[in-house]
Protein backbone atom coordinates (compact mmCIF):
# COMPACT_ATOMS: atom_id res chain seq x y z
CA MET A 1 122.04 48.48 82.43
CA ARG A 2 122.05 50.83 79.40
CA THR A 3 122.57 54.54 79.64
CA ASP A 4 122.44 57.35 77.03
CA ALA A 5 125.32 59.19 78.57
CA LYS A 6 128.28 59.59 76.21
CA THR A 7 131.79 58.92 77.21
CA PRO A 8 134.26 61.83 77.03
CA ALA A 9 135.80 60.31 73.90
CA GLU A 10 132.42 60.08 72.13
CA ALA A 11 131.55 63.64 73.08
CA ALA A 12 134.82 64.92 71.67
CA ALA A 13 134.47 62.99 68.40
CA PRO A 14 133.16 65.08 65.45
CA ALA A 15 129.64 64.39 64.18
CA PRO A 16 129.22 62.72 60.81
CA ALA A 17 129.24 65.02 57.76
CA GLY A 18 125.65 64.22 56.81
CA ARG A 19 124.43 65.02 60.30
CA ARG A 20 126.31 68.32 60.39
CA ALA A 21 124.82 69.30 56.99
CA ALA A 22 121.33 68.45 58.23
CA GLU A 23 121.80 70.61 61.33
CA LEU A 24 123.00 73.63 59.28
CA ARG A 25 120.45 76.22 58.28
CA VAL A 26 121.24 78.28 55.20
CA VAL A 27 119.97 81.84 55.54
CA PRO A 28 120.21 83.95 52.37
CA VAL A 29 121.63 87.43 52.71
CA ARG A 30 118.95 90.10 52.77
CA HIS A 31 119.87 93.12 50.70
CA TYR A 32 117.46 95.62 52.18
CA GLY A 33 119.52 98.55 50.94
CA ARG A 34 119.26 97.36 47.35
CA TRP A 35 115.51 96.96 47.58
CA ALA A 36 115.12 100.40 49.15
CA ALA A 37 117.28 101.98 46.45
CA ALA A 38 115.35 100.14 43.72
CA VAL A 39 111.99 101.26 45.09
CA THR A 40 113.22 104.86 45.41
CA ALA A 41 114.60 104.85 41.86
CA LEU A 42 111.41 103.36 40.40
CA ALA A 43 109.28 105.87 42.29
CA GLY A 44 111.38 108.76 41.02
CA LEU A 45 111.33 107.44 37.45
CA THR A 46 107.57 106.92 37.58
CA GLY A 47 107.07 110.45 38.83
CA LEU A 48 109.30 111.90 36.11
CA VAL A 49 107.61 109.92 33.32
CA GLY A 50 104.17 110.86 34.63
CA SER A 51 105.15 114.51 34.85
CA LEU A 52 106.43 114.54 31.26
CA ALA A 53 103.45 112.60 29.94
CA GLY A 54 101.00 115.03 31.48
CA ASN A 55 102.91 118.19 30.59
CA ASP A 56 100.85 120.15 28.07
CA ASN A 57 103.84 122.31 27.13
CA LEU A 58 105.50 119.35 25.44
CA ARG A 59 102.71 119.25 22.82
CA TRP A 60 102.70 115.50 22.26
CA ASP A 61 100.39 116.00 19.30
CA ILE A 62 103.16 117.88 17.48
CA VAL A 63 105.65 115.18 18.45
CA GLY A 64 103.39 112.53 16.96
CA ASP A 65 102.79 114.52 13.77
CA HIS A 66 106.51 115.01 13.06
CA LEU A 67 107.99 111.79 14.44
CA PHE A 68 107.56 109.95 11.12
CA ALA A 69 107.50 112.92 8.76
CA ASP A 70 109.31 112.68 5.42
CA LEU A 71 111.66 115.54 6.30
CA ILE A 72 112.71 113.73 9.48
CA PHE A 73 113.43 110.53 7.54
CA ASP A 74 115.52 112.47 5.04
CA GLY A 75 117.65 113.88 7.84
CA LEU A 76 117.79 110.47 9.49
CA PHE A 77 119.17 108.91 6.31
CA THR A 78 121.88 111.59 6.11
CA THR A 79 122.79 111.06 9.76
CA VAL A 80 123.12 107.30 9.33
CA TRP A 81 125.24 107.35 6.18
CA LEU A 82 127.37 110.19 7.54
CA THR A 83 128.05 108.18 10.70
CA ALA A 84 128.94 105.04 8.75
CA ALA A 85 131.15 106.86 6.23
CA ALA A 86 132.94 108.96 8.86
CA MET A 87 133.64 105.90 11.04
CA THR A 88 134.93 103.94 8.03
CA LEU A 89 137.24 106.79 7.06
CA GLY A 90 138.31 107.35 10.66
CA LEU A 91 139.02 103.70 11.37
CA ALA A 92 140.96 103.09 8.14
CA LEU A 93 143.03 106.26 8.47
CA GLY A 94 143.38 105.81 12.23
CA THR A 95 144.81 102.30 11.79
CA LEU A 96 147.36 103.65 9.32
CA ILE A 97 148.32 106.48 11.66
CA ALA A 98 148.63 104.08 14.60
CA VAL A 99 151.05 101.91 12.63
CA MET A 100 152.99 105.03 11.63
CA ARG A 101 153.27 106.11 15.26
CA LEU A 102 154.69 102.69 16.13
CA SER A 103 157.13 102.83 13.20
CA PRO A 104 160.86 103.19 13.96
CA SER A 105 161.05 105.80 11.18
CA PRO A 106 161.23 109.29 12.75
CA VAL A 107 159.58 110.83 9.66
CA LEU A 108 156.51 108.59 9.82
CA TYR A 109 156.32 108.97 13.58
CA GLY A 110 156.58 112.76 13.32
CA LEU A 111 153.89 113.06 10.63
CA ALA A 112 151.49 110.83 12.54
CA THR A 113 152.10 112.66 15.82
CA PHE A 114 151.54 116.02 14.11
CA PHE A 115 148.24 114.79 12.63
CA VAL A 116 146.98 113.60 16.01
CA TRP A 117 148.12 116.83 17.66
CA ILE A 118 146.23 119.01 15.17
CA PHE A 119 142.92 117.16 14.95
CA ARG A 120 142.72 116.09 18.58
CA GLY A 121 143.78 119.49 19.89
CA THR A 122 141.16 121.62 18.10
CA PRO A 123 137.39 121.50 18.74
CA LEU A 124 135.31 119.47 16.34
CA LEU A 125 132.92 122.38 15.84
CA VAL A 126 135.82 124.56 14.67
CA GLN A 127 136.91 121.87 12.22
CA ILE A 128 133.39 121.54 10.80
CA ILE A 129 133.12 125.29 10.26
CA PHE A 130 136.62 125.39 8.75
CA TRP A 131 135.81 122.72 6.16
CA GLY A 132 132.40 124.25 5.50
CA TYR A 133 133.91 127.65 4.71
CA ALA A 134 137.18 126.47 3.16
CA ALA A 135 136.40 128.54 0.04
CA ALA A 136 137.19 131.66 2.06
CA LEU A 137 140.78 130.39 2.28
CA TYR A 138 141.18 128.73 -1.13
CA GLN A 139 138.89 129.64 -3.99
CA TYR A 140 140.06 126.68 -6.07
CA VAL A 141 141.31 123.20 -5.25
CA MET A 142 144.29 122.47 -7.51
CA ILE A 143 146.68 119.53 -7.88
CA GLY A 144 149.87 120.04 -9.83
CA VAL A 145 153.63 120.55 -9.65
CA PRO A 146 154.57 122.97 -6.84
CA PHE A 147 156.08 126.34 -7.79
CA THR A 148 155.12 125.86 -11.45
CA ASP A 149 152.09 126.54 -13.63
CA ILE A 150 151.57 122.83 -14.36
CA THR A 151 148.13 121.77 -13.07
CA PHE A 152 146.58 118.32 -13.30
CA PHE A 153 143.31 119.07 -11.55
CA LYS A 154 141.40 122.26 -10.76
CA ALA A 155 137.91 122.69 -9.32
CA ASP A 156 135.91 125.35 -7.56
CA THR A 157 136.07 124.82 -3.80
CA ASN A 158 132.37 125.53 -3.19
CA SER A 159 131.29 123.01 -5.81
CA LEU A 160 133.75 120.39 -4.58
CA LEU A 161 133.30 120.79 -0.84
CA THR A 162 129.53 120.59 -0.49
CA PRO A 163 128.14 120.68 3.07
CA ALA A 164 127.89 116.88 3.11
CA VAL A 165 131.48 116.41 1.92
CA ALA A 166 132.75 119.05 4.36
CA ALA A 167 130.93 117.32 7.21
CA LEU A 168 132.38 113.94 6.19
CA LEU A 169 135.92 115.29 6.09
CA ALA A 170 135.60 117.04 9.44
CA LEU A 171 134.06 114.05 11.21
CA GLY A 172 136.28 111.45 9.54
CA LEU A 173 139.60 113.23 10.10
CA ASN A 174 138.71 114.09 13.69
CA GLU A 175 137.73 110.49 14.36
CA ALA A 176 140.96 109.24 12.79
CA ALA A 177 142.97 111.09 15.44
CA TYR A 178 141.08 109.39 18.28
CA ALA A 179 140.84 106.01 16.56
CA SER A 180 144.60 105.96 16.03
CA GLU A 181 145.19 106.14 19.77
CA ILE A 182 142.68 103.35 20.40
CA VAL A 183 144.25 101.13 17.76
CA ARG A 184 147.75 101.92 19.00
CA ALA A 185 146.78 100.92 22.54
CA GLY A 186 145.28 97.69 21.22
CA ILE A 187 148.42 96.83 19.22
CA GLN A 188 150.66 97.52 22.20
CA SER A 189 148.52 95.24 24.38
CA VAL A 190 149.54 92.21 22.28
CA ASP A 191 152.59 90.32 23.54
CA PRO A 192 155.62 91.22 21.35
CA GLY A 193 156.50 87.54 21.31
CA GLN A 194 153.57 86.94 18.97
CA ALA A 195 155.13 89.12 16.28
CA GLU A 196 158.58 87.66 16.89
CA ALA A 197 157.23 84.14 16.47
CA ALA A 198 155.52 85.14 13.21
CA HIS A 199 158.73 86.71 11.90
CA SER A 200 160.65 83.56 12.78
CA LEU A 201 158.24 81.63 10.55
CA GLY A 202 159.03 83.92 7.64
CA MET A 203 155.95 86.17 7.77
CA ARG A 204 156.44 89.71 6.54
CA PRO A 205 155.74 92.63 8.93
CA ALA A 206 152.60 93.72 7.06
CA LEU A 207 151.21 90.18 7.03
CA THR A 208 152.10 89.75 10.70
CA MET A 209 150.25 92.93 11.58
CA ARG A 210 147.17 91.93 9.57
CA ARG A 211 146.95 88.24 10.49
CA ILE A 212 148.51 87.99 13.95
CA VAL A 213 148.59 91.28 15.84
CA LEU A 214 145.39 93.06 14.82
CA PRO A 215 143.04 90.08 15.43
CA GLN A 216 144.36 89.82 18.98
CA ALA A 217 144.24 93.58 19.47
CA MET A 218 140.54 93.65 18.55
CA ARG A 219 139.71 92.46 22.05
CA VAL A 220 140.99 95.79 23.37
CA ILE A 221 139.90 97.91 20.40
CA ILE A 222 136.22 96.91 20.09
CA PRO A 223 134.75 98.35 23.35
CA PRO A 224 136.13 101.91 23.01
CA MET A 225 135.59 101.89 19.25
CA GLY A 226 131.94 100.99 19.81
CA ASN A 227 131.63 103.97 22.12
CA GLU A 228 133.30 106.13 19.48
CA THR A 229 130.68 105.01 16.95
CA ILE A 230 127.87 105.97 19.30
CA ASN A 231 129.57 109.28 20.00
CA MET A 232 130.00 109.87 16.26
CA LEU A 233 126.28 109.36 15.73
CA LYS A 234 125.53 112.12 18.21
CA MET A 235 128.33 114.39 17.00
CA THR A 236 126.73 114.51 13.56
CA ALA A 237 124.28 116.97 15.11
CA LEU A 238 127.08 119.55 15.01
CA VAL A 239 127.08 119.62 11.20
CA SER A 240 123.82 121.55 11.41
CA VAL A 241 125.97 124.71 11.62
CA ILE A 242 126.84 124.27 7.92
CA SER A 243 123.36 123.05 6.91
CA ALA A 244 124.35 119.52 5.97
CA HIS A 245 120.67 118.45 6.03
CA ASP A 246 121.15 115.85 8.74
CA LEU A 247 118.52 115.01 11.35
CA MET A 248 119.32 117.99 13.56
CA SER A 249 119.47 120.39 10.62
CA ASN A 250 116.00 119.38 9.47
CA ILE A 251 114.68 119.58 13.03
CA GLN A 252 115.99 123.13 13.25
CA ASP A 253 114.35 124.02 9.95
CA VAL A 254 111.01 122.80 11.28
CA TYR A 255 111.04 124.62 14.61
CA ALA A 256 112.28 127.76 12.88
CA GLN A 257 108.89 127.79 11.12
CA ASN A 258 106.47 126.53 13.78
CA TYR A 259 108.39 127.86 16.84
CA GLN A 260 107.81 124.55 18.68
CA VAL A 261 111.37 124.08 19.87
CA ILE A 262 110.84 121.66 22.75
CA PRO A 263 108.53 119.22 20.91
CA MET A 264 110.90 119.07 17.93
CA LEU A 265 113.86 118.46 20.23
CA VAL A 266 111.89 115.59 21.75
CA VAL A 267 111.50 114.14 18.25
CA ALA A 268 115.25 114.39 17.69
CA SER A 269 116.01 112.84 21.08
CA LEU A 270 113.70 109.88 20.45
CA TRP A 271 115.35 109.10 17.13
CA TYR A 272 118.89 109.45 18.53
CA LEU A 273 117.96 107.13 21.41
CA ALA A 274 116.55 104.59 18.96
CA LEU A 275 119.68 104.66 16.79
CA VAL A 276 122.01 104.36 19.78
CA THR A 277 120.02 101.38 21.03
CA VAL A 278 120.34 99.67 17.64
CA LEU A 279 124.10 100.32 17.55
CA GLY A 280 124.50 98.70 20.97
CA VAL A 281 123.45 95.29 19.58
CA PRO A 282 126.39 94.70 17.17
CA GLN A 283 128.79 96.20 19.70
CA ALA A 284 127.75 93.65 22.34
CA TYR A 285 128.05 90.83 19.77
CA LEU A 286 131.56 91.87 18.70
CA GLU A 287 132.69 92.22 22.31
CA ARG A 288 131.52 88.68 23.06
CA ARG A 289 133.07 87.30 19.87
CA TYR A 290 136.51 88.84 20.29
CA GLY A 291 136.43 88.37 24.06
CA ARG A 292 136.12 84.59 23.88
CA GLY A 293 138.35 82.88 26.39
CA THR A 294 138.36 85.81 28.81
CA THR A 295 136.21 86.79 31.75
CA ARG A 296 134.63 89.53 29.65
CA ALA A 297 133.08 86.89 27.40
CA ARG A 298 130.96 85.69 30.32
CA HIS A 299 129.65 89.18 31.02
CA VAL A 300 125.85 89.39 31.03
CA SER A 301 124.11 92.63 30.11
CA PRO A 302 121.93 94.34 32.75
CA LEU A 303 118.79 93.72 30.67
CA ARG A 304 119.48 90.00 30.45
CA ARG A 305 120.18 89.88 34.17
CA VAL A 306 116.83 91.52 34.91
CA LEU A 307 114.94 89.28 32.49
CA GLY A 308 116.72 86.20 33.79
CA ALA A 309 115.92 87.08 37.38
CA ALA A 310 112.27 87.60 36.50
CA ALA A 311 112.02 84.33 34.60
CA HIS A 312 113.98 82.23 37.09
CA PRO A 313 113.72 83.81 40.54
CA THR A 314 114.91 80.67 42.34
CA ARG A 315 118.01 80.38 40.17
CA ALA A 316 118.77 84.07 40.66
CA LYS A 317 118.56 83.65 44.44
CA ASP A 318 120.79 80.58 44.34
CA GLU A 319 123.38 82.43 42.23
CA GLU A 320 123.23 85.40 44.55
CA ALA A 321 123.67 83.16 47.62
CA GLY A 322 126.59 81.38 45.96
CA ARG A 323 128.59 84.55 45.44
């Protein structure tokens, strides 16, 4: 006589792995709070965009007329080259100052520390005005032997320090003070054993810094330096106080004539947003390149995450359930 009743030993025995997996039911986590926050944010953004689009006080016709005007492009060109030149000057001088601050020489360390203290401790706007009106302090720029009448070079300050040159000096020297601290932090993040190993192989200190230390420090330097570049692009708007003919200076010249302040500021904002967006592309590339081998190299931008989730919803759910 057969019976389906299990013996106590059979009841206590664990079920096969395949059977247990078949009996399990995977329930994905429901993130209702995220969906509610997303819907609320989209609703608020839609309302804001609709309100701005339908606001007659913005005068979108004026925005369209001046968005691609020749005067705007002239100022845009000045803004771009001023940003590139100031960042080049700031990064080159900042690297030198960072090495000086790490030098065992008290003279080099003192000079570098004094430079950083001066240019990081005073407002950028004050520095721009100072360089723009330097002729009020020195009528001539002269190079010669101190305390003698021997002069090798002499030029009128106003003709030498044009508004563009004054803006470049102010932005570049100010950036050098901040860049030096970023570079110094990057150099100090490299294991000292790397430099010691290079010295044991006969490499000179300068070559060790250029070929061994700095390439490894770039992983730490690139992200904040990219932010400094974006910040420099926006800080060029301050040179409008000395009429350097950048984007903001030309915008101010236009609304001083047509009295349409808000529409012209919208034009400036749109161009600054476009330039910042373009600058974000090489920054992301450099971060991935110098971050190879680290967890940061596998970082995916928010835009790619959104596009990837839209293109592959099943994969996105599986990845979310696997976390």
